[in-house]
PDB file of N, CA and C in Angstrom:
ATOM      1  N   MET A   1      -5.943  -6.838   1.650  1.00  0.00           N
ATOM      2  CA  MET A   1      -4.521  -7.128   1.933  1.00  0.00           C
ATOM      3  C   MET A   1      -4.141  -8.272   0.896  1.00  0.00           C
ATOM      4  N   SER A   2      -3.127  -7.929   0.368  1.00  0.00           N
ATOM      5  CA  SER A   2      -2.846  -9.230  -0.437  1.00  0.00           C
ATOM      6  C   SER A   2      -1.340  -8.469  -1.285  1.00  0.00           C
ATOM      7  N   SER A   3      -0.479  -9.907  -1.271  1.00  0.00           N
ATOM      8  CA  SER A   3       1.010  -9.503  -1.635  1.00  0.00           C
ATOM      9  C   SER A   3       1.118 -10.059  -3.356  1.00  0.00           C
ATOM     10  N   ASP A   4      -0.052 -10.224  -3.877  1.00  0.00           N
ATOM     11  CA  ASP A   4      -0.517 -10.354  -5.195  1.00  0.00           C
ATOM     12  C   ASP A   4      -0.527  -9.038  -6.242  1.00  0.00           C
ATOM     13  N   LEU A   5       0.340  -8.457  -6.711  1.00  0.00           N
ATOM     14  CA  LEU A   5       0.377  -7.332  -7.374  1.00  0.00           C
ATOM     15  C   LEU A   5      -0.519  -7.062  -8.251  1.00  0.00           C
ATOM     16  N   MET A   6      -0.527  -8.248  -9.116  1.00  0.00           N
ATOM     17  CA  MET A   6      -1.336  -8.099 -10.513  1.00  0.00           C
ATOM     18  C   MET A   6      -2.685  -7.927  -9.969  1.00  0.00           C
ATOM     19  N   ALA A   7      -3.196  -9.213  -8.942  1.00  0.00           N
ATOM     20  CA  ALA A   7      -4.560  -8.734  -8.670  1.00  0.00           C
ATOM     21  C   ALA A   7      -4.997  -7.581  -7.818  1.00  0.00           C
ATOM     22  N   SER A   8      -4.132  -6.909  -6.957  1.00  0.00           N
ATOM     23  CA  SER A   8      -4.453  -5.613  -6.541  1.00  0.00           C
ATOM     24  C   SER A   8      -4.513  -4.539  -7.617  1.00  0.00           C
ATOM     25  N   SER A   9      -3.600  -4.663  -8.624  1.00  0.00           N
ATOM     26  CA  SER A   9      -3.971  -3.550  -9.283  1.00  0.00           C
ATOM     27  C   SER A   9      -5.187  -3.683 -10.256  1.00  0.00           C
ATOM     28  N   ARG A  10      -5.593  -4.869 -10.478  1.00  0.00           N
ATOM     29  CA  ARG A  10      -6.847  -5.217 -11.005  1.00  0.00           C
ATOM     30  C   ARG A  10      -8.072  -4.526 -10.185  1.00  0.00           C
ATOM     31  N   LEU A  11      -8.135  -4.974  -8.903  1.00  0.00           N
ATOM     32  CA  LEU A  11      -9.107  -4.869  -8.147  1.00  0.00           C
ATOM     33  C   LEU A  11      -9.035  -2.970  -8.023  1.00  0.00           C
ATOM     34  N   ALA A  12      -7.934  -2.477  -7.834  1.00  0.00           N
ATOM     35  CA  ALA A  12      -7.851  -0.737  -7.832  1.00  0.00           C
ATOM     36  C   ALA A  12      -8.576  -0.526  -8.716  1.00  0.00           C
ATOM     37  N   GLY A  13      -8.545  -0.941 -10.130  1.00  0.00           N
ATOM     38  CA  GLY A  13      -8.921  -0.182 -11.293  1.00  0.00           C
ATOM     39  C   GLY A  13     -10.570  -0.724 -11.261  1.00  0.00           C
ATOM     40  N   VAL A  14     -10.928  -1.737 -10.936  1.00  0.00           N
ATOM     41  CA  VAL A  14     -12.465  -1.887 -10.379  1.00  0.00           C
ATOM     42  C   VAL A  14     -12.892  -0.726  -9.262  1.00  0.00           C
ATOM     43  N   ALA A  15     -12.509  -0.858  -8.384  1.00  0.00           N
ATOM     44  CA  ALA A  15     -12.696   0.322  -7.293  1.00  0.00           C
ATOM     45  C   ALA A  15     -12.978   1.495  -7.915  1.00  0.00           C
ATOM     46  N   ARG A  16     -11.891   1.929  -8.330  1.00  0.00           N
ATOM     47  CA  ARG A  16     -12.010   3.125  -9.107  1.00  0.00           C
ATOM     48  C   ARG A  16     -13.266   3.692  -9.915  1.00  0.00           C
ATOM     49  N   GLY A  17     -13.518   2.258 -10.793  1.00  0.00           N
ATOM     50  CA  GLY A  17     -14.661   2.372 -11.565  1.00  0.00           C
ATOM     51  C   GLY A  17     -15.799   2.680 -10.907  1.00  0.00           C
ATOM     52  N   LEU A  18     -15.832   2.057  -9.679  1.00  0.00           N
ATOM     53  CA  LEU A  18     -17.145   1.840  -9.042  1.00  0.00           C
ATOM     54  C   LEU A  18     -17.437   3.471  -8.022  1.00  0.00           C
ATOM     55  N   GLY A  19     -16.314   4.352  -8.124  1.00  0.00           N
ATOM     56  CA  GLY A  19     -16.236   5.394  -7.366  1.00  0.00           C
ATOM     57  C   GLY A  19     -15.664   5.345  -5.948  1.00  0.00           C
ATOM     58  N   ASP A  20     -15.013   4.082  -5.694  1.00  0.00           N
ATOM     59  CA  ASP A  20     -14.452   3.717  -4.561  1.00  0.00           C
ATOM     60  C   ASP A  20     -12.949   3.777  -4.551  1.00  0.00           C
ATOM     61  N   ALA A  21     -12.077   4.018  -3.539  1.00  0.00           N
ATOM     62  CA  ALA A  21     -10.816   3.618  -3.376  1.00  0.00           C
ATOM     63  C   ALA A  21     -10.433   2.515  -2.531  1.00  0.00           C
ATOM     64  N   LEU A  22      -9.225   2.014  -3.404  1.00  0.00           N
ATOM     65  CA  LEU A  22      -8.707   0.681  -2.465  1.00  0.00           C
ATOM     66  C   LEU A  22      -7.425   0.979  -2.371  1.00  0.00           C
ATOM     67  N   ASP A  23      -7.243   0.643  -0.718  1.00  0.00           N
ATOM     68  CA  ASP A  23      -5.718   0.960  -0.383  1.00  0.00           C
ATOM     69  C   ASP A  23      -5.205  -0.631  -0.512  1.00  0.00           C
ATOM     70  N   VAL A  24      -4.247  -0.693  -1.048  1.00  0.00           N
ATOM     71  CA  VAL A  24      -3.672  -2.152  -0.767  1.00  0.00           C
ATOM     72  C   VAL A  24      -2.271  -2.335  -0.015  1.00  0.00           C
ATOM     73  N   ARG A  25      -2.375  -3.177   0.815  1.00  0.00           N
ATOM     74  CA  ARG A  25      -1.574  -3.579   1.644  1.00  0.00           C
ATOM     75  C   ARG A  25      -0.915  -5.052   1.626  1.00  0.00           C
ATOM     76  N   ALA A  26       0.378  -4.889   1.754  1.00  0.00           N
ATOM     77  CA  ALA A  26       1.330  -6.176   1.461  1.00  0.00           C
ATOM     78  C   ALA A  26       0.720  -7.222   2.551  1.00  0.00           C
ATOM     79  N   SER A  27       0.524  -6.728   3.595  1.00  0.00           N
ATOM     80  CA  SER A  27       0.684  -7.475   4.851  1.00  0.00           C
ATOM     81  C   SER A  27      -0.259  -6.811   5.917  1.00  0.00           C
ATOM     82  N   VAL A  28      -0.681  -7.570   6.911  1.00  0.00           N
ATOM     83  CA  VAL A  28      -1.576  -7.057   8.004  1.00  0.00           C
ATOM     84  C   VAL A  28      -0.686  -6.248   8.924  1.00  0.00           C
ATOM     85  N   ALA A  29       0.689  -6.326   8.967  1.00  0.00           N
ATOM     86  CA  ALA A  29       1.443  -5.610   9.848  1.00  0.00           C
ATOM     87  C   ALA A  29       1.631  -4.132   9.188  1.00  0.00           C
ATOM     88  N   VAL A  30       1.506  -3.865   8.151  1.00  0.00           N
ATOM     89  CA  VAL A  30       1.417  -2.536   7.952  1.00  0.00           C
ATOM     90  C   VAL A  30       0.130  -1.724   7.505  1.00  0.00           C
ATOM     91  N   ALA A  31      -0.991  -2.383   7.715  1.00  0.00           N
ATOM     92  CA  ALA A  31      -2.551  -1.832   7.811  1.00  0.00           C
ATOM     93  C   ALA A  31      -2.637  -0.884   8.819  1.00  0.00           C
ATOM     94  N   PRO A  32      -3.136   0.449   8.632  1.00  0.00           N
ATOM     95  CA  PRO A  32      -3.135   1.433   9.624  1.00  0.00           C
ATOM     96  C   PRO A  32      -4.291   1.370  10.514  1.00  0.00           C
ATOM     97  N   ALA A  33      -4.438   1.622  11.489  1.00  0.00           N
ATOM     98  CA  ALA A  33      -5.379   1.749  12.603  1.00  0.00           C
ATOM     99  C   ALA A  33      -6.026   2.866  12.802  1.00  0.00           C
ATOM    100  N   ASP A  34      -5.795   3.836  12.224  1.00  0.00           N
ATOM    101  CA  ASP A  34      -6.226   5.519  12.585  1.00  0.00           C
ATOM    102  C   ASP A  34      -7.241   5.533  11.728  1.00  0.00           C
ATOM    103  N   ALA A  35      -7.669   4.913  10.697  1.00  0.00           N
ATOM    104  CA  ALA A  35      -8.898   5.114  10.041  1.00  0.00           C
ATOM    105  C   ALA A  35      -9.757   3.892   9.783  1.00  0.00           C
ATOM    106  N   PRO A  36     -10.744   3.622  10.285  1.00  0.00           N
ATOM    107  CA  PRO A  36     -11.433   2.377   9.793  1.00  0.00           C
ATOM    108  C   PRO A  36     -11.832   2.133   8.189  1.00  0.00           C
ATOM    109  N   TYR A  37     -11.501   1.181   7.730  1.00  0.00           N
ATOM    110  CA  TYR A  37     -12.085   0.877   6.456  1.00  0.00           C
ATOM    111  C   TYR A  37     -13.529   0.526   6.415  1.00  0.00           C
ATOM    112  N   ASP A  38     -14.239   0.699   5.316  1.00  0.00           N
ATOM    113  CA  ASP A  38     -15.661   0.003   5.127  1.00  0.00           C
ATOM    114  C   ASP A  38     -15.723  -1.528   5.154  1.00  0.00           C
ATOM    115  N   VAL A  39     -14.818  -1.852   4.113  1.00  0.00           N
ATOM    116  CA  VAL A  39     -14.430  -3.370   3.706  1.00  0.00           C
ATOM    117  C   VAL A  39     -12.889  -3.438   3.746  1.00  0.00           C
ATOM    118  N   VAL A  40     -12.565  -4.478   4.602  1.00  0.00           N
ATOM    119  CA  VAL A  40     -11.338  -5.204   4.267  1.00  0.00           C
ATOM    120  C   VAL A  40     -11.076  -6.552   3.418  1.00  0.00           C
ATOM    121  N   LEU A  41     -10.472  -6.471   2.419  1.00  0.00           N
ATOM    122  CA  LEU A  41     -10.240  -7.914   1.658  1.00  0.00           C
ATOM    123  C   LEU A  41      -8.907  -8.339   1.999  1.00  0.00           C
ATOM    124  N   ILE A  42      -9.054  -9.771   2.430  1.00  0.00           N
ATOM    125  CA  ILE A  42      -8.137 -10.169   2.793  1.00  0.00           C
ATOM    126  C   ILE A  42      -7.725 -11.555   2.119  1.00  0.00           C
ATOM    127  N   ASP A  43      -6.351 -11.647   1.267  1.00  0.00           N
ATOM    128  CA  ASP A  43      -6.261 -12.698   0.539  1.00  0.00           C
ATOM    129  C   ASP A  43      -5.481 -13.787   1.293  1.00  0.00           C
ATOM    130  N   VAL A  44      -6.257 -14.714   2.005  1.00  0.00           N
ATOM    131  CA  VAL A  44      -5.884 -15.894   2.789  1.00  0.00           C
ATOM    132  C   VAL A  44      -4.580 -16.505   1.994  1.00  0.00           C
ATOM    133  N   GLN A  45      -4.124 -16.483   1.025  1.00  0.00           N
ATOM    134  CA  GLN A  45      -3.138 -16.993   0.059  1.00  0.00           C
ATOM    135  C   GLN A  45      -1.891 -16.460   0.326  1.00  0.00           C
ATOM    136  N   SER A  46      -1.937 -15.021   0.725  1.00  0.00           N
ATOM    137  CA  SER A  46      -0.947 -14.254   0.966  1.00  0.00           C
ATOM    138  C   SER A  46      -0.466 -14.110   2.610  1.00  0.00           C
ATOM    139  N   CYS A  47      -1.150 -14.914   3.454  1.00  0.00           N
ATOM    140  CA  CYS A  47      -0.917 -14.845   4.577  1.00  0.00           C
ATOM    141  C   CYS A  47      -0.598 -16.133   5.283  1.00  0.00           C
ATOM    142  N   PRO A  48       0.417 -15.957   6.110  1.00  0.00           N
ATOM    143  CA  PRO A  48       1.206 -17.220   6.668  1.00  0.00           C
ATOM    144  C   PRO A  48       0.335 -17.598   7.805  1.00  0.00           C
ATOM    145  N   ASP A  49      -0.508 -16.527   8.353  1.00  0.00           N
ATOM    146  CA  ASP A  49      -1.325 -16.753   9.545  1.00  0.00           C
ATOM    147  C   ASP A  49      -2.718 -16.259   9.257  1.00  0.00           C
ATOM    148  N   PRO A  50      -3.750 -16.775   8.248  1.00  0.00           N
ATOM    149  CA  PRO A  50      -4.811 -16.355   8.187  1.00  0.00           C
ATOM    150  C   PRO A  50      -5.651 -15.930   9.373  1.00  0.00           C
ATOM    151  N   THR A  51      -5.885 -16.584  10.396  1.00  0.00           N
ATOM    152  CA  THR A  51      -6.807 -16.351  11.799  1.00  0.00           C
ATOM    153  C   THR A  51      -6.090 -14.866  12.187  1.00  0.00           C
ATOM    154  N   ALA A  52      -4.904 -14.806  12.299  1.00  0.00           N
ATOM    155  CA  ALA A  52      -4.262 -13.440  12.825  1.00  0.00           C
ATOM    156  C   ALA A  52      -4.587 -12.513  11.741  1.00  0.00           C
ATOM    157  N   ALA A  53      -4.414 -12.528  10.457  1.00  0.00           N
ATOM    158  CA  ALA A  53      -5.032 -11.585   9.441  1.00  0.00           C
ATOM    159  C   ALA A  53      -6.437 -11.593   9.654  1.00  0.00           C
ATOM    160  N   ILE A  54      -7.209 -12.225   9.929  1.00  0.00           N
ATOM    161  CA  ILE A  54      -8.407 -11.816  10.123  1.00  0.00           C
ATOM    162  C   ILE A  54      -8.557 -10.800  11.284  1.00  0.00           C
ATOM    163  N   ALA A  55      -7.889 -11.137  12.525  1.00  0.00           N
ATOM    164  CA  ALA A  55      -8.110 -10.195  13.335  1.00  0.00           C
ATOM    165  C   ALA A  55      -7.762  -9.015  13.358  1.00  0.00           C
ATOM    166  N   ARG A  56      -6.688  -8.965  12.760  1.00  0.00           N
ATOM    167  CA  ARG A  56      -6.095  -7.568  12.367  1.00  0.00           C
ATOM    168  C   ARG A  56      -6.926  -6.776  11.151  1.00  0.00           C
ATOM    169  N   GLY A  57      -7.603  -7.635  10.210  1.00  0.00           N
ATOM    170  CA  GLY A  57      -8.640  -7.054   9.663  1.00  0.00           C
ATOM    171  C   GLY A  57      -9.374  -6.411  10.050  1.00  0.00           C
ATOM    172  N   ARG A  58      -9.979  -7.028  11.219  1.00  0.00           N
ATOM    173  CA  ARG A  58     -11.486  -6.640  12.163  1.00  0.00           C
ATOM    174  C   ARG A  58     -11.163  -5.323  12.590  1.00  0.00           C
ATOM    175  N   GLU A  59      -9.747  -5.262  13.303  1.00  0.00           N
ATOM    176  CA  GLU A  59      -9.143  -3.838  13.721  1.00  0.00           C
ATOM    177  C   GLU A  59      -9.355  -2.688  12.685  1.00  0.00           C
ATOM    178  N   ALA A  60      -8.827  -3.177  11.561  1.00  0.00           N
ATOM    179  CA  ALA A  60      -8.437  -1.940  10.579  1.00  0.00           C
ATOM    180  C   ALA A  60     -10.132  -1.725   9.996  1.00  0.00           C
ATOM    181  N   ALA A  61     -10.867  -2.721  10.439  1.00  0.00           N
ATOM    182  CA  ALA A  61     -12.230  -2.319   9.813  1.00  0.00           C
ATOM    183  C   ALA A  61     -13.180  -1.525  10.680  1.00  0.00           C
ATOM    184  N   GLY A  62     -12.895  -1.643  11.944  1.00  0.00           N
ATOM    185  CA  GLY A  62     -13.599  -0.985  13.112  1.00  0.00           C
ATOM    186  C   GLY A  62     -14.579  -1.684  13.086  1.00  0.00           C
ATOM    187  N   ALA A  63     -15.908  -1.087  14.024  1.00  0.00           N
ATOM    188  CA  ALA A  63     -16.961  -1.449  14.595  1.00  0.00           C
ATOM    189  C   ALA A  63     -18.050  -1.875  13.354  1.00  0.00           C
ATOM    190  N   ALA A  64     -17.760  -0.830  12.324  1.00  0.00           N
ATOM    191  CA  ALA A  64     -19.012  -0.885  11.145  1.00  0.00           C
ATOM    192  C   ALA A  64     -18.243  -1.368  10.087  1.00  0.00           C
ATOM    193  N   GLY A  65     -17.231  -1.844   9.833  1.00  0.00           N
ATOM    194  CA  GLY A  65     -16.496  -2.424   8.365  1.00  0.00           C
ATOM    195  C   GLY A  65     -17.022  -3.941   8.674  1.00  0.00           C
ATOM    196  N   LYS A  66     -16.565  -4.231   7.279  1.00  0.00           N
ATOM    197  CA  LYS A  66     -16.777  -5.562   6.908  1.00  0.00           C
ATOM    198  C   LYS A  66     -15.144  -6.266   6.758  1.00  0.00           C
ATOM    199  N   VAL A  67     -15.072  -7.441   6.865  1.00  0.00           N
ATOM    200  CA  VAL A  67     -13.854  -8.190   6.528  1.00  0.00           C
ATOM    201  C   VAL A  67     -14.333  -9.588   5.889  1.00  0.00           C
ATOM    202  N   VAL A  68     -13.780  -9.438   4.373  1.00  0.00           N
ATOM    203  CA  VAL A  68     -14.027 -10.509   3.551  1.00  0.00           C
ATOM    204  C   VAL A  68     -12.386 -11.320   3.130  1.00  0.00           C
ATOM    205  N   ALA A  69     -12.582 -12.448   3.313  1.00  0.00           N
ATOM    206  CA  ALA A  69     -11.565 -13.520   2.828  1.00  0.00           C
ATOM    207  C   ALA A  69     -11.763 -14.254   1.873  1.00  0.00           C
ATOM    208  N   PHE A  70     -10.634 -13.914   0.995  1.00  0.00           N
ATOM    209  CA  PHE A  70     -10.654 -14.673  -0.459  1.00  0.00           C
ATOM    210  C   PHE A  70      -9.727 -15.492  -0.500  1.00  0.00           C
ATOM    211  N   GLY A  71      -9.614 -16.221  -1.540  1.00  0.00           N
ATOM    212  CA  GLY A  71      -8.439 -17.008  -1.943  1.00  0.00           C
ATOM    213  C   GLY A  71      -8.904 -18.195  -2.882  1.00  0.00           C
ATOM    214  N   PRO A  72      -8.091 -18.974  -3.671  1.00  0.00           N
ATOM    215  CA  PRO A  72      -8.498 -20.100  -4.355  1.00  0.00           C
ATOM    216  C   PRO A  72      -9.503 -20.964  -4.086  1.00  0.00           C
ATOM    217  N   HIS A  73     -10.446 -21.303  -5.044  1.00  0.00           N
ATOM    218  CA  HIS A  73     -11.436 -21.804  -5.097  1.00  0.00           C
ATOM    219  C   HIS A  73     -11.263 -23.270  -4.356  1.00  0.00           C
ATOM    220  N   VAL A  74     -10.443 -23.782  -4.483  1.00  0.00           N
ATOM    221  CA  VAL A  74      -9.488 -25.009  -4.105  1.00  0.00           C
ATOM    222  C   VAL A  74      -9.120 -24.905  -2.413  1.00  0.00           C
ATOM    223  N   TRP A  75      -9.347 -23.646  -2.369  1.00  0.00           N
ATOM    224  CA  TRP A  75      -9.089 -23.490  -0.374  1.00  0.00           C
ATOM    225  C   TRP A  75     -10.178 -23.413   0.369  1.00  0.00           C
ATOM    226  N   LYS A  76     -11.184 -24.286  -0.102  1.00  0.00           N
ATOM    227  CA  LYS A  76     -12.592 -24.073   0.744  1.00  0.00           C
ATOM    228  C   LYS A  76     -12.341 -24.091   2.147  1.00  0.00           C
ATOM    229  N   GLU A  77     -11.592 -24.971   2.455  1.00  0.00           N
ATOM    230  CA  GLU A  77     -11.318 -25.303   4.082  1.00  0.00           C
ATOM    231  C   GLU A  77     -10.939 -23.952   4.776  1.00  0.00           C
ATOM    232  N   TRP A  78      -9.922 -23.375   4.117  1.00  0.00           N
ATOM    233  CA  TRP A  78      -9.094 -21.946   4.617  1.00  0.00           C
ATOM    234  C   TRP A  78     -10.306 -20.963   4.512  1.00  0.00           C
ATOM    235  N   LEU A  79     -11.139 -20.910   3.426  1.00  0.00           N
ATOM    236  CA  LEU A  79     -11.938 -19.981   3.471  1.00  0.00           C
ATOM    237  C   LEU A  79     -13.233 -20.071   4.561  1.00  0.00           C
ATOM    238  N   GLU A  80     -13.637 -21.415   4.846  1.00  0.00           N
ATOM    239  CA  GLU A  80     -14.450 -21.605   5.775  1.00  0.00           C
ATOM    240  C   GLU A  80     -13.887 -21.027   7.277  1.00  0.00           C
ATOM    241  N   ALA A  81     -12.859 -21.687   7.460  1.00  0.00           N
ATOM    242  CA  ALA A  81     -11.825 -21.183   8.665  1.00  0.00           C
ATOM    243  C   ALA A  81     -11.560 -19.665   8.880  1.00  0.00           C
ATOM    244  N   ALA A  82     -11.482 -19.025   7.697  1.00  0.00           N
ATOM    245  CA  ALA A  82     -11.613 -17.568   7.814  1.00  0.00           C
ATOM    246  C   ALA A  82     -12.828 -17.022   8.521  1.00  0.00           C
ATOM    247  N   VAL A  83     -14.153 -17.408   8.319  1.00  0.00           N
ATOM    248  CA  VAL A  83     -15.295 -17.053   8.545  1.00  0.00           C
ATOM    249  C   VAL A  83     -15.070 -17.411   9.907  1.00  0.00           C
ATOM    250  N   ALA A  84     -14.781 -18.583  10.535  1.00  0.00           N
ATOM    251  CA  ALA A  84     -15.110 -19.220  11.669  1.00  0.00           C
ATOM    252  C   ALA A  84     -13.980 -18.124  12.764  1.00  0.00           C
ATOM    253  N   ALA A  85     -13.100 -17.625  11.908  1.00  0.00           N
ATOM    254  CA  ALA A  85     -11.886 -16.635  12.651  1.00  0.00           C
ATOM    255  C   ALA A  85     -12.732 -15.289  12.803  1.00  0.00           C
ATOM    256  N   GLY A  86     -13.559 -15.174  12.342  1.00  0.00           N
ATOM    257  CA  GLY A  86     -14.300 -13.738  12.375  1.00  0.00           C
ATOM    258  C   GLY A  86     -14.427 -12.996  10.890  1.00  0.00           C
ATOM    259  N   ALA A  87     -14.339 -13.662  10.040  1.00  0.00           N
ATOM    260  CA  ALA A  87     -14.502 -12.529   8.701  1.00  0.00           C
ATOM    261  C   ALA A  87     -16.261 -12.864   8.529  1.00  0.00           C
ATOM    262  N   ASP A  88     -16.373 -11.573   8.115  1.00  0.00           N
ATOM    263  CA  ASP A  88     -18.020 -11.413   7.574  1.00  0.00           C
ATOM    264  C   ASP A  88     -18.474 -12.449   6.593  1.00  0.00           C
ATOM    265  N   ALA A  89     -17.609 -12.583   5.566  1.00  0.00           N
ATOM    266  CA  ALA A  89     -17.833 -13.604   4.527  1.00  0.00           C
ATOM    267  C   ALA A  89     -16.481 -14.084   3.797  1.00  0.00           C
ATOM    268  N   ALA A  90     -16.509 -14.730   2.989  1.00  0.00           N
ATOM    269  CA  ALA A  90     -15.476 -15.232   2.181  1.00  0.00           C
ATOM    270  C   ALA A  90     -15.937 -15.659   0.850  1.00  0.00           C
ATOM    271  N   ALA A  91     -14.778 -15.458  -0.024  1.00  0.00           N
ATOM    272  CA  ALA A  91     -15.254 -15.446  -1.510  1.00  0.00           C
ATOM    273  C   ALA A  91     -13.902 -16.043  -2.080  1.00  0.00           C
ATOM    274  N   THR A  92     -14.103 -16.869  -3.435  1.00  0.00           N
ATOM    275  CA  THR A  92     -13.315 -17.357  -4.089  1.00  0.00           C
ATOM    276  C   THR A  92     -12.426 -16.226  -4.957  1.00  0.00           C
ATOM    277  N   ARG A  93     -11.152 -16.318  -5.161  1.00  0.00           N
ATOM    278  CA  ARG A  93     -10.461 -15.314  -6.027  1.00  0.00           C
ATOM    279  C   ARG A  93     -11.246 -14.960  -7.169  1.00  0.00           C
ATOM    280  N   GLY A  94     -11.726 -15.972  -7.948  1.00  0.00           N
ATOM    281  CA  GLY A  94     -12.727 -15.628  -9.074  1.00  0.00           C
ATOM    282  C   GLY A  94     -13.836 -14.770  -8.831  1.00  0.00           C
ATOM    283  N   GLU A  95     -14.616 -14.839  -7.500  1.00  0.00           N
ATOM    284  CA  GLU A  95     -15.804 -14.000  -7.448  1.00  0.00           C
ATOM    285  C   GLU A  95     -15.386 -12.770  -6.996  1.00  0.00           C
ATOM    286  N   VAL A  96     -13.990 -12.528  -6.323  1.00  0.00           N
ATOM    287  CA  VAL A  96     -13.784 -11.355  -6.098  1.00  0.00           C
ATOM    288  C   VAL A  96     -13.348 -10.513  -7.373  1.00  0.00           C
ATOM    289  N   MET A  97     -12.208 -11.265  -8.314  1.00  0.00           N
ATOM    290  CA  MET A  97     -11.924 -10.620  -9.280  1.00  0.00           C
ATOM    291  C   MET A  97     -13.145 -10.208 -10.582  1.00  0.00           C
ATOM    292  N   GLU A  98     -13.935 -11.017 -10.388  1.00  0.00           N
ATOM    293  CA  GLU A  98     -14.935 -10.831 -11.527  1.00  0.00           C
ATOM    294  C   GLU A  98     -16.303 -10.419 -11.222  1.00  0.00           C
ATOM    295  N   GLY A  99     -16.455 -10.127  -9.729  1.00  0.00           N
ATOM    296  CA  GLY A  99     -17.979  -9.796  -9.129  1.00  0.00           C
ATOM    297  C   GLY A  99     -17.624  -8.685  -7.959  1.00  0.00           C
ATOM    298  N   LEU A 100     -16.262  -7.925  -7.815  1.00  0.00           N
ATOM    299  CA  LEU A 100     -16.144  -7.226  -6.723  1.00  0.00           C
ATOM    300  C   LEU A 100     -17.469  -6.234  -6.534  1.00  0.00           C
ATOM    301  N   ALA A 101     -18.140  -5.665  -7.315  1.00  0.00           N
ATOM    302  CA  ALA A 101     -19.198  -4.939  -7.260  1.00  0.00           C
ATOM    303  C   ALA A 101     -20.168  -5.444  -6.522  1.00  0.00           C
ATOM    304  N   ALA A 102     -20.542  -6.612  -6.810  1.00  0.00           N
ATOM    305  CA  ALA A 102     -21.940  -7.649  -6.420  1.00  0.00           C
ATOM    306  C   ALA A 102     -21.387  -7.908  -4.863  1.00  0.00           C
ATOM    307  N   LEU A 103     -19.960  -8.238  -4.630  1.00  0.00           N
ATOM    308  CA  LEU A 103     -19.462  -8.781  -3.430  1.00  0.00           C
ATOM    309  C   LEU A 103     -19.734  -7.506  -2.644  1.00  0.00           C
ATOM    310  N   LEU A 104     -19.355  -6.473  -2.766  1.00  0.00           N
ATOM    311  CA  LEU A 104     -19.387  -5.215  -2.061  1.00  0.00           C
ATOM    312  C   LEU A 104     -20.898  -4.918  -1.538  1.00  0.00           C
ATOM    313  N   ASP A 105     -21.425  -5.116  -2.428  1.00  0.00           N
ATOM    314  CA  ASP A 105     -23.084  -4.538  -2.135  1.00  0.00           C
ATOM    315  C   ASP A 105     -23.658  -5.912  -1.337  1.00  0.00           C
ATOM    316  N   ARG A 106     -23.294  -6.840  -1.385  1.00  0.00           N
ATOM    317  CA  ARG A 106     -23.755  -8.004  -0.682  1.00  0.00           C
ATOM    318  C   ARG A 106     -23.189  -7.824   0.781  1.00  0.00           C
ATOM    319  N   VAL A 107     -22.025  -7.410   1.220  1.00  0.00           N
ATOM    320  CA  VAL A 107     -21.466  -7.284   2.425  1.00  0.00           C
ATOM    321  C   VAL A 107     -21.599  -5.904   3.066  1.00  0.00           C
ATOM    322  N   SER A 108     -21.551  -4.897   2.196  1.00  0.00           N
ATOM    323  CA  SER A 108     -21.742  -3.388   2.828  1.00  0.00           C
ATOM    324  C   SER A 108     -22.604  -2.706   1.925  1.00  0.00           C
ATOM    325  N   PRO A 109     -24.087  -3.029   2.009  1.00  0.00           N
ATOM    326  CA  PRO A 109     -24.851  -2.120   0.960  1.00  0.00           C
ATOM    327  C   PRO A 109     -24.827  -0.717   1.550  1.00  0.00           C
ATOM    328  N   LYS A 110     -24.858   0.030   0.621  1.00  0.00           N
ATOM    329  CA  LYS A 110     -24.847   1.673   0.688  1.00  0.00           C
ATOM    330  C   LYS A 110     -26.096   2.015   0.866  1.00  0.00           C
TER     331      LYS A 110
END
């Protein structure tokens, strides 16, 4: 979930290269609940209420899915708060953009 169109487009390309699909939603309010996701990435910089976003991400991930919060490296407290709110992991924007494959392997090994 991110409102950053450039980042979303870039991540979608990386996901396609990995043989995965990336479903980009601008807000937690539009995330479907009918089919659980393997991994939900939440851009805390795009969320007015990251705690609520993490809760909604947990719903979208289902019982077996993982929730990963990401944001600017200078937002360390926000990322730590996201993990405290229920995210399985947190990563900086750079870690997500430059190392999506490694991040996905770490949180949801196949």
